[in-house]
Amino acid sequence: MSDVERDHEIVRQLKPFRRELLANCYRMLGSVDDAEDVVQETHLRAWHARETLDDSAALRAWLYRIATNVCLTALEQRKRRAIPSGLGAPSDEPAGPIAIANEVDWVEPIPDALIVSELAGPAAITAMRESVRLAFVASLQYLPPRQRAVLLLREVLGFSAEEIAMTFDLTPAAVKSALQRARAALDEKMPIASEMREPAHPDAKAVLASYMAAFEHSDADALERLLSYDAVLEMTPARTWFAGKTTCMPYLRLRALGTAGEWKMEPTIANGQPAAIAYRRDDDGLHHPFGVALLVVRDRRIARISVFHGADIVKRFEALA
C-alpha cells in the first residue's frame, strides 16, 4: 500500500468513530462546543501519529486514548459545569426574585442528531441515548476528571481494565481502585440519581406534544395535569429552581405561560430525552428563539423540566433539523 493509499485508509477508518467520540467527549466536558473542539484535536493528533498505529484492530482503543488525554488537558483549564439543581436547595418563593448566575459554566444540552446514527440498530440507539441523559452527564461533572474518564471507559464504553491502564500509565489494580472511588462518589453526590439511566417512557412523545400545546394555548390547567407531584423546574442561567408541583405551577402561571400565542414550540430529542425548541413572541410581534426545554417523563407525567435559555442553543438544534 502506498503512502497516499494508507492516508486515505486512515481517514476512512476514523470517520465511523466521530459520533461516539463526540458523545464521550461531551460526557467528559458537559459542553457540545468543547466536545467538538476536542474531537477535532483528536483527529488531528491521530492523523499526525498515524504511523504509530501498528494494529488497525486496535484503532478504537487508540483513538479513545488520544481523546481522553485531550479531554483531561482541556479540563485542567475549565471550571466544573453544573445544572441549577446541583448548586443548592430549591426556592419556595415562586413569586420571589430569580438569581441569574452568568458566572456559572452550565452543562449544555446535546442534540441527538449529533451523536445518534440513523444506521445504528435499536439497541445501539437506546444505549447511546441512555448514556447521555442529562442527569448522568451533570452527575459526572462531580467526579475528578481522571475518575470520570475511568468510569466512562469501563462502564459506558466497555474497555478492559488493562486497556484503560495503558491510557493512564497505571496498573489494572489502580484502574479498578479509581473505578470504585468513582462509583462511590456518584452514589454520594449525584443530585438526581433516579434519572441517571431511567429508560425513555413509551408515552414520552404524547406527553411532549401535550406540554407544547399547553404553552402555546397558555393552558395552565392542562400543564398542571401533566406535572407529577414531585416535579422539578430549572432554567439556566438562573441558579433558582423549584421542586414540587405546588411550587412549580405558581411560577409557571405567573411568570412563564404568558398569553395564548405567545409561545411556539417544535419537538426534538436532546440527551436522549423528549425536548421542545421554544420561540417566544417579542414586542415586534414575531417569535424569536428562546431556548430548549428537556423533559423527564415518568408514569405519563412530567417529572422534570430543564430549560436551557439562549438563541445559540436554539440555532444548534435548528441547524440539524
Protein backbone atom coordinates (compact mmCIF):
# COMPACT_ATOMS: atom_id res chain seq x y z
CA MET A 1 0.00 0.00 0.00
CA SER A 2 1.39 3.41 -0.99
CA ASP A 3 1.63 6.30 1.50
CA VAL A 4 -1.29 8.05 -0.21
CA GLU A 5 -3.43 4.94 -0.08
CA ARG A 6 -2.53 4.44 3.58
CA ASP A 7 -3.52 8.04 4.37
CA HIS A 8 -6.86 7.60 2.66
CA GLU A 9 -7.40 4.37 4.55
CA ILE A 10 -6.74 6.07 7.90
CA VAL A 11 -9.26 8.81 7.05
CA ARG A 12 -11.82 6.18 6.10
CA GLN A 13 -11.23 4.29 9.35
CA LEU A 14 -11.51 7.39 11.54
CA LYS A 15 -14.85 8.60 10.14
CA PRO A 16 -17.16 5.99 11.74
CA PHE A 17 -15.90 6.87 15.22
CA ARG A 18 -16.75 10.56 15.10
CA ARG A 19 -20.24 10.34 16.63
CA GLU A 20 -19.27 8.09 19.52
CA LEU A 21 -16.12 10.12 20.22
CA LEU A 22 -18.21 13.28 20.29
CA ALA A 23 -20.67 11.66 22.70
CA ASN A 24 -17.93 10.61 25.09
CA CYS A 25 -16.12 13.94 24.97
CA TYR A 26 -19.47 15.58 25.72
CA ARG A 27 -19.94 13.29 28.73
CA MET A 28 -16.49 14.29 29.94
CA LEU A 29 -16.86 18.03 29.35
CA GLY A 30 -20.60 18.77 29.58
CA SER A 31 -20.31 21.14 26.60
CA VAL A 32 -21.09 20.50 22.95
CA ASP A 33 -18.72 23.20 21.69
CA ASP A 34 -15.85 21.96 23.87
CA ALA A 35 -16.52 18.37 22.84
CA GLU A 36 -16.43 19.26 19.14
CA ASP A 37 -13.12 21.07 19.65
CA VAL A 38 -11.66 18.02 21.40
CA VAL A 39 -12.83 15.64 18.67
CA GLN A 40 -11.24 17.86 16.03
CA GLU A 41 -8.00 17.92 18.01
CA THR A 42 -8.20 14.13 18.46
CA HIS A 43 -8.48 13.56 14.71
CA LEU A 44 -5.60 15.95 14.09
CA ARG A 45 -3.37 14.16 16.60
CA ALA A 46 -4.42 10.78 15.25
CA TRP A 47 -3.52 11.89 11.76
CA HIS A 48 -0.06 13.10 12.80
CA ALA A 49 0.55 9.93 14.82
CA ARG A 50 -0.87 7.52 12.25
CA GLU A 51 2.48 5.80 11.71
CA THR A 52 2.46 4.66 15.36
CA LEU A 53 -0.71 2.59 14.89
CA ASP A 54 0.64 -0.87 14.24
CA ASP A 55 -2.59 -2.81 14.61
CA SER A 56 -5.68 -1.45 12.83
CA ALA A 57 -7.82 -3.72 15.03
CA ALA A 58 -6.77 -1.56 17.99
CA LEU A 59 -7.88 1.67 16.29
CA ARG A 60 -10.84 2.32 18.59
CA ALA A 61 -8.82 1.96 21.80
CA TRP A 62 -6.03 4.08 20.28
CA LEU A 63 -8.47 6.86 19.37
CA TYR A 64 -10.07 6.86 22.80
CA ARG A 65 -6.63 7.03 24.40
CA ILE A 66 -5.90 10.19 22.42
CA ALA A 67 -9.36 11.71 23.01
CA THR A 68 -9.30 11.00 26.74
CA ASN A 69 -5.96 12.71 27.19
CA VAL A 70 -7.09 15.73 25.16
CA CYS A 71 -10.20 15.94 27.39
CA LEU A 72 -8.09 15.77 30.54
CA THR A 73 -5.88 18.58 29.29
CA ALA A 74 -8.93 20.67 28.45
CA LEU A 75 -10.42 20.10 31.91
CA GLU A 76 -7.28 21.48 33.58
CA GLN A 77 -8.34 24.94 32.38
CA ARG A 78 -12.10 24.75 33.00
CA LYS A 79 -14.45 25.03 35.95
CA ARG A 80 -16.90 22.28 36.76
CA ARG A 81 -20.10 22.57 34.76
CA ALA A 82 -23.39 22.36 36.61
CA ILE A 83 -27.16 22.43 36.41
CA PRO A 84 -29.21 24.62 38.80
CA SER A 85 -30.44 21.71 40.93
CA GLY A 86 -26.85 20.76 41.62
CA LEU A 87 -25.93 24.11 43.16
CA GLY A 88 -28.17 24.37 46.18
CA ALA A 89 -31.63 23.95 47.66
CA PRO A 90 -34.80 24.76 45.67
CA SER A 91 -36.63 28.03 46.17
CA ASP A 92 -40.02 28.03 47.89
CA GLU A 93 -40.91 31.51 46.60
CA PRO A 94 -42.23 31.27 43.03
CA ALA A 95 -43.07 34.98 43.05
CA GLY A 96 -39.71 35.93 44.51
CA PRO A 97 -36.54 37.15 42.78
CA ILE A 98 -34.76 34.87 40.31
CA ALA A 99 -31.00 34.68 40.83
CA ILE A 100 -29.22 34.83 37.48
CA ALA A 101 -25.75 33.27 37.62
CA ASN A 102 -23.93 34.15 34.41
CA GLU A 103 -20.65 33.31 36.13
CA VAL A 104 -21.56 29.61 36.24
CA ASP A 105 -20.44 27.29 33.45
CA TRP A 106 -23.64 25.38 32.73
CA VAL A 107 -23.97 21.87 31.36
CA GLU A 108 -25.28 22.18 27.80
CA PRO A 109 -27.89 20.02 26.05
CA ILE A 110 -26.75 17.96 23.08
CA PRO A 111 -28.98 17.25 20.06
CA ASP A 112 -29.44 13.53 19.48
CA ALA A 113 -28.83 14.13 15.78
CA LEU A 114 -25.16 14.87 16.53
CA ILE A 115 -24.45 11.55 18.20
CA VAL A 116 -27.13 9.04 17.14
CA SER A 117 -26.72 7.44 13.75
CA GLU A 118 -29.86 6.55 11.82
CA LEU A 119 -27.97 3.50 10.56
CA ALA A 120 -27.49 2.11 14.07
CA GLY A 121 -29.74 -0.64 15.36
CA PRO A 122 -32.43 -0.03 18.00
CA ALA A 123 -30.29 -1.44 20.82
CA ALA A 124 -27.33 0.79 19.93
CA ILE A 125 -29.57 3.87 19.70
CA THR A 126 -31.14 3.13 23.10
CA ALA A 127 -27.74 2.60 24.71
CA MET A 128 -26.40 5.85 23.28
CA ARG A 129 -29.41 7.84 24.45
CA GLU A 130 -29.27 6.40 27.95
CA SER A 131 -25.57 7.21 28.22
CA VAL A 132 -26.06 10.93 27.58
CA ARG A 133 -29.09 11.56 29.80
CA LEU A 134 -28.79 15.00 31.30
CA ALA A 135 -28.82 13.64 34.86
CA PHE A 136 -25.92 11.32 34.10
CA VAL A 137 -23.81 13.97 32.37
CA ALA A 138 -24.47 16.51 35.13
CA SER A 139 -23.56 13.96 37.79
CA LEU A 140 -20.32 13.04 36.06
CA GLN A 141 -19.13 16.61 36.49
CA TYR A 142 -18.84 15.98 40.25
CA LEU A 143 -16.08 13.44 39.67
CA PRO A 144 -12.39 14.34 39.38
CA PRO A 145 -11.53 14.24 35.66
CA ARG A 146 -9.47 11.05 35.79
CA GLN A 147 -12.11 9.15 37.76
CA ARG A 148 -14.70 10.45 35.29
CA ALA A 149 -12.67 9.11 32.38
CA VAL A 150 -12.07 5.71 34.01
CA LEU A 151 -15.76 5.23 34.78
CA LEU A 152 -16.81 6.13 31.24
CA LEU A 153 -14.18 3.98 29.56
CA ARG A 154 -15.08 0.96 31.68
CA GLU A 155 -18.83 1.17 32.28
CA VAL A 156 -20.12 3.02 29.21
CA LEU A 157 -17.60 2.06 26.54
CA GLY A 158 -16.67 -1.38 27.80
CA PHE A 159 -12.88 -1.17 27.72
CA SER A 160 -10.99 -3.61 29.91
CA ALA A 161 -9.00 -2.55 32.97
CA GLU A 162 -5.85 -3.45 31.05
CA GLU A 163 -6.76 -1.19 28.12
CA ILE A 164 -7.63 1.67 30.46
CA ALA A 165 -4.38 1.18 32.35
CA MET A 166 -2.48 1.81 29.11
CA THR A 167 -4.28 5.13 28.69
CA PHE A 168 -3.18 6.43 32.08
CA ASP A 169 0.09 4.54 32.54
CA LEU A 170 -1.40 2.77 35.56
CA THR A 171 -1.71 -0.80 36.75
CA PRO A 172 -5.03 -2.61 36.26
CA ALA A 173 -5.37 -2.69 40.06
CA ALA A 174 -5.08 1.11 40.19
CA VAL A 175 -7.75 1.39 37.49
CA LYS A 176 -10.12 -0.81 39.50
CA SER A 177 -9.48 1.30 42.59
CA ALA A 178 -10.24 4.51 40.67
CA LEU A 179 -13.43 2.92 39.33
CA GLN A 180 -14.59 2.01 42.84
CA ARG A 181 -13.99 5.56 44.06
CA ALA A 182 -15.88 6.96 41.06
CA ARG A 183 -18.88 4.72 41.70
CA ALA A 184 -18.92 5.66 45.38
CA ALA A 185 -18.70 9.38 44.58
CA LEU A 186 -21.59 9.14 42.12
CA ASP A 187 -23.74 7.35 44.68
CA GLU A 188 -22.97 10.05 47.26
CA LYS A 189 -23.08 13.22 45.19
CA MET A 190 -25.36 12.58 42.26
CA PRO A 191 -28.14 15.20 42.59
CA ILE A 192 -30.80 13.36 40.62
CA ALA A 193 -29.90 9.70 40.98
CA SER A 194 -33.25 8.28 39.92
CA GLU A 195 -32.90 9.84 36.46
CA MET A 196 -29.34 8.68 35.74
CA ARG A 197 -30.25 5.82 33.46
CA GLU A 198 -34.03 5.96 33.51
CA PRO A 199 -35.32 4.46 30.24
CA ALA A 200 -37.36 6.54 27.84
CA HIS A 201 -41.06 6.38 28.64
CA PRO A 202 -43.19 4.89 25.82
CA ASP A 203 -45.65 7.80 26.07
CA ALA A 204 -42.94 10.47 26.04
CA LYS A 205 -43.88 11.82 22.59
CA ALA A 206 -47.51 12.25 23.56
CA VAL A 207 -46.58 13.95 26.82
CA LEU A 208 -44.23 16.29 24.95
CA ALA A 209 -47.00 17.18 22.50
CA SER A 210 -49.34 17.98 25.38
CA TYR A 211 -46.65 20.08 27.07
CA MET A 212 -46.10 22.14 23.92
CA ALA A 213 -49.84 22.59 23.39
CA ALA A 214 -50.29 23.76 26.99
CA PHE A 215 -47.71 26.51 26.46
CA GLU A 216 -48.94 27.51 23.02
CA HIS A 217 -52.51 27.87 24.31
CA SER A 218 -51.49 29.26 27.71
CA ASP A 219 -53.44 26.44 29.33
CA ALA A 220 -52.28 26.33 32.95
CA ASP A 221 -54.79 23.65 33.94
CA ALA A 222 -53.56 21.31 31.19
CA LEU A 223 -49.95 21.90 32.22
CA GLU A 224 -50.77 21.24 35.85
CA ARG A 225 -52.35 17.92 34.93
CA LEU A 226 -49.12 16.93 33.19
CA LEU A 227 -46.81 17.58 36.15
CA SER A 228 -46.02 14.89 38.70
CA TYR A 229 -46.48 15.84 42.35
CA ASP A 230 -42.69 15.99 42.81
CA ALA A 231 -41.90 17.76 39.53
CA VAL A 232 -38.74 19.85 39.26
CA LEU A 233 -38.30 23.02 37.21
CA GLU A 234 -34.88 24.51 36.47
CA MET A 235 -33.90 27.19 33.97
CA THR A 236 -30.33 28.18 33.12
CA PRO A 237 -28.82 30.73 33.50
CA ALA A 238 -30.87 31.05 36.72
CA ARG A 239 -29.48 29.49 39.86
CA THR A 240 -33.04 29.50 41.24
CA TRP A 241 -35.02 26.29 40.76
CA PHE A 242 -38.24 24.81 42.09
CA ALA A 243 -39.30 21.41 43.39
CA GLY A 244 -42.84 20.09 43.76
CA LYS A 245 -45.94 20.84 41.69
CA THR A 246 -47.25 23.20 44.38
CA THR A 247 -44.22 25.45 43.85
CA CYS A 248 -43.57 24.92 40.13
CA MET A 249 -47.12 25.72 39.00
CA PRO A 250 -47.40 29.17 40.62
CA TYR A 251 -44.17 30.16 38.88
CA LEU A 252 -45.37 28.79 35.54
CA ARG A 253 -48.76 30.51 35.85
CA LEU A 254 -47.37 33.87 36.93
CA ARG A 255 -44.13 34.15 35.03
CA ALA A 256 -43.87 31.68 32.17
CA LEU A 257 -47.09 30.76 30.36
CA GLY A 258 -47.99 34.25 29.21
CA THR A 259 -50.92 34.60 26.83
CA ALA A 260 -52.21 32.29 24.11
CA GLY A 261 -49.97 32.50 21.05
CA GLU A 262 -47.01 33.89 22.98
CA TRP A 263 -45.10 30.64 22.56
CA LYS A 264 -44.35 28.48 19.54
CA MET A 265 -42.62 25.14 20.02
CA GLU A 266 -41.11 22.40 17.89
CA PRO A 267 -40.41 18.85 19.08
CA THR A 268 -36.90 17.44 19.14
CA ILE A 269 -34.77 14.99 21.10
CA ALA A 270 -31.86 16.11 23.28
CA ASN A 271 -29.74 13.96 25.58
CA GLY A 272 -31.97 11.05 24.65
CA GLN A 273 -34.96 12.89 26.15
CA PRO A 274 -38.10 14.45 24.67
CA ALA A 275 -37.46 18.15 24.19
CA ALA A 276 -39.08 21.29 22.83
CA ILE A 277 -37.40 24.08 20.89
CA ALA A 278 -39.13 27.22 22.18
CA TYR A 279 -39.77 30.54 20.45
CA ARG A 280 -41.31 33.49 22.31
CA ARG A 281 -43.19 36.41 20.78
CA ASP A 282 -41.45 39.74 21.31
CA ASP A 283 -42.70 43.33 21.18
CA ASP A 284 -42.29 43.28 17.39
CA GLY A 285 -44.97 40.61 17.16
CA LEU A 286 -42.50 37.99 15.90
CA HIS A 287 -41.42 34.79 17.59
CA HIS A 288 -37.73 34.72 18.41
CA PRO A 289 -35.54 31.83 19.61
CA PHE A 290 -35.84 31.43 23.37
CA GLY A 291 -34.29 28.10 24.32
CA VAL A 292 -34.70 24.35 24.56
CA ALA A 293 -36.63 22.50 27.28
CA LEU A 294 -35.76 18.89 28.14
CA LEU A 295 -38.36 16.71 29.84
CA VAL A 296 -38.12 13.68 32.07
CA VAL A 297 -41.32 11.66 31.71
CA ARG A 298 -42.33 9.17 34.36
CA ASP A 299 -45.70 7.37 34.65
CA ARG A 300 -47.16 9.57 31.88
CA ARG A 301 -46.28 12.68 33.89
CA ILE A 302 -43.51 15.25 33.61
CA ALA A 303 -41.07 14.72 36.46
CA ARG A 304 -38.54 17.36 35.41
CA ILE A 305 -38.34 20.35 33.07
CA SER A 306 -34.82 21.58 32.36
CA VAL A 307 -34.81 24.77 30.30
CA PHE A 308 -31.65 25.99 28.57
CA HIS A 309 -32.07 29.58 27.54
CA GLY A 310 -30.28 31.10 24.57
CA ALA A 311 -30.61 31.76 20.86
CA ASP A 312 -27.28 30.00 20.21
CA ILE A 313 -28.65 26.78 21.69
CA VAL A 314 -31.74 27.02 19.50
CA LYS A 315 -29.63 27.60 16.40
CA ARG A 316 -27.61 24.47 17.09
CA PHE A 317 -30.80 22.41 17.06
CA GLU A 318 -32.22 24.26 14.03
CA ALA A 319 -29.08 23.51 12.03
CA LEU A 320 -29.70 19.78 12.45
CA ALA A 321 -33.42 19.81 11.67
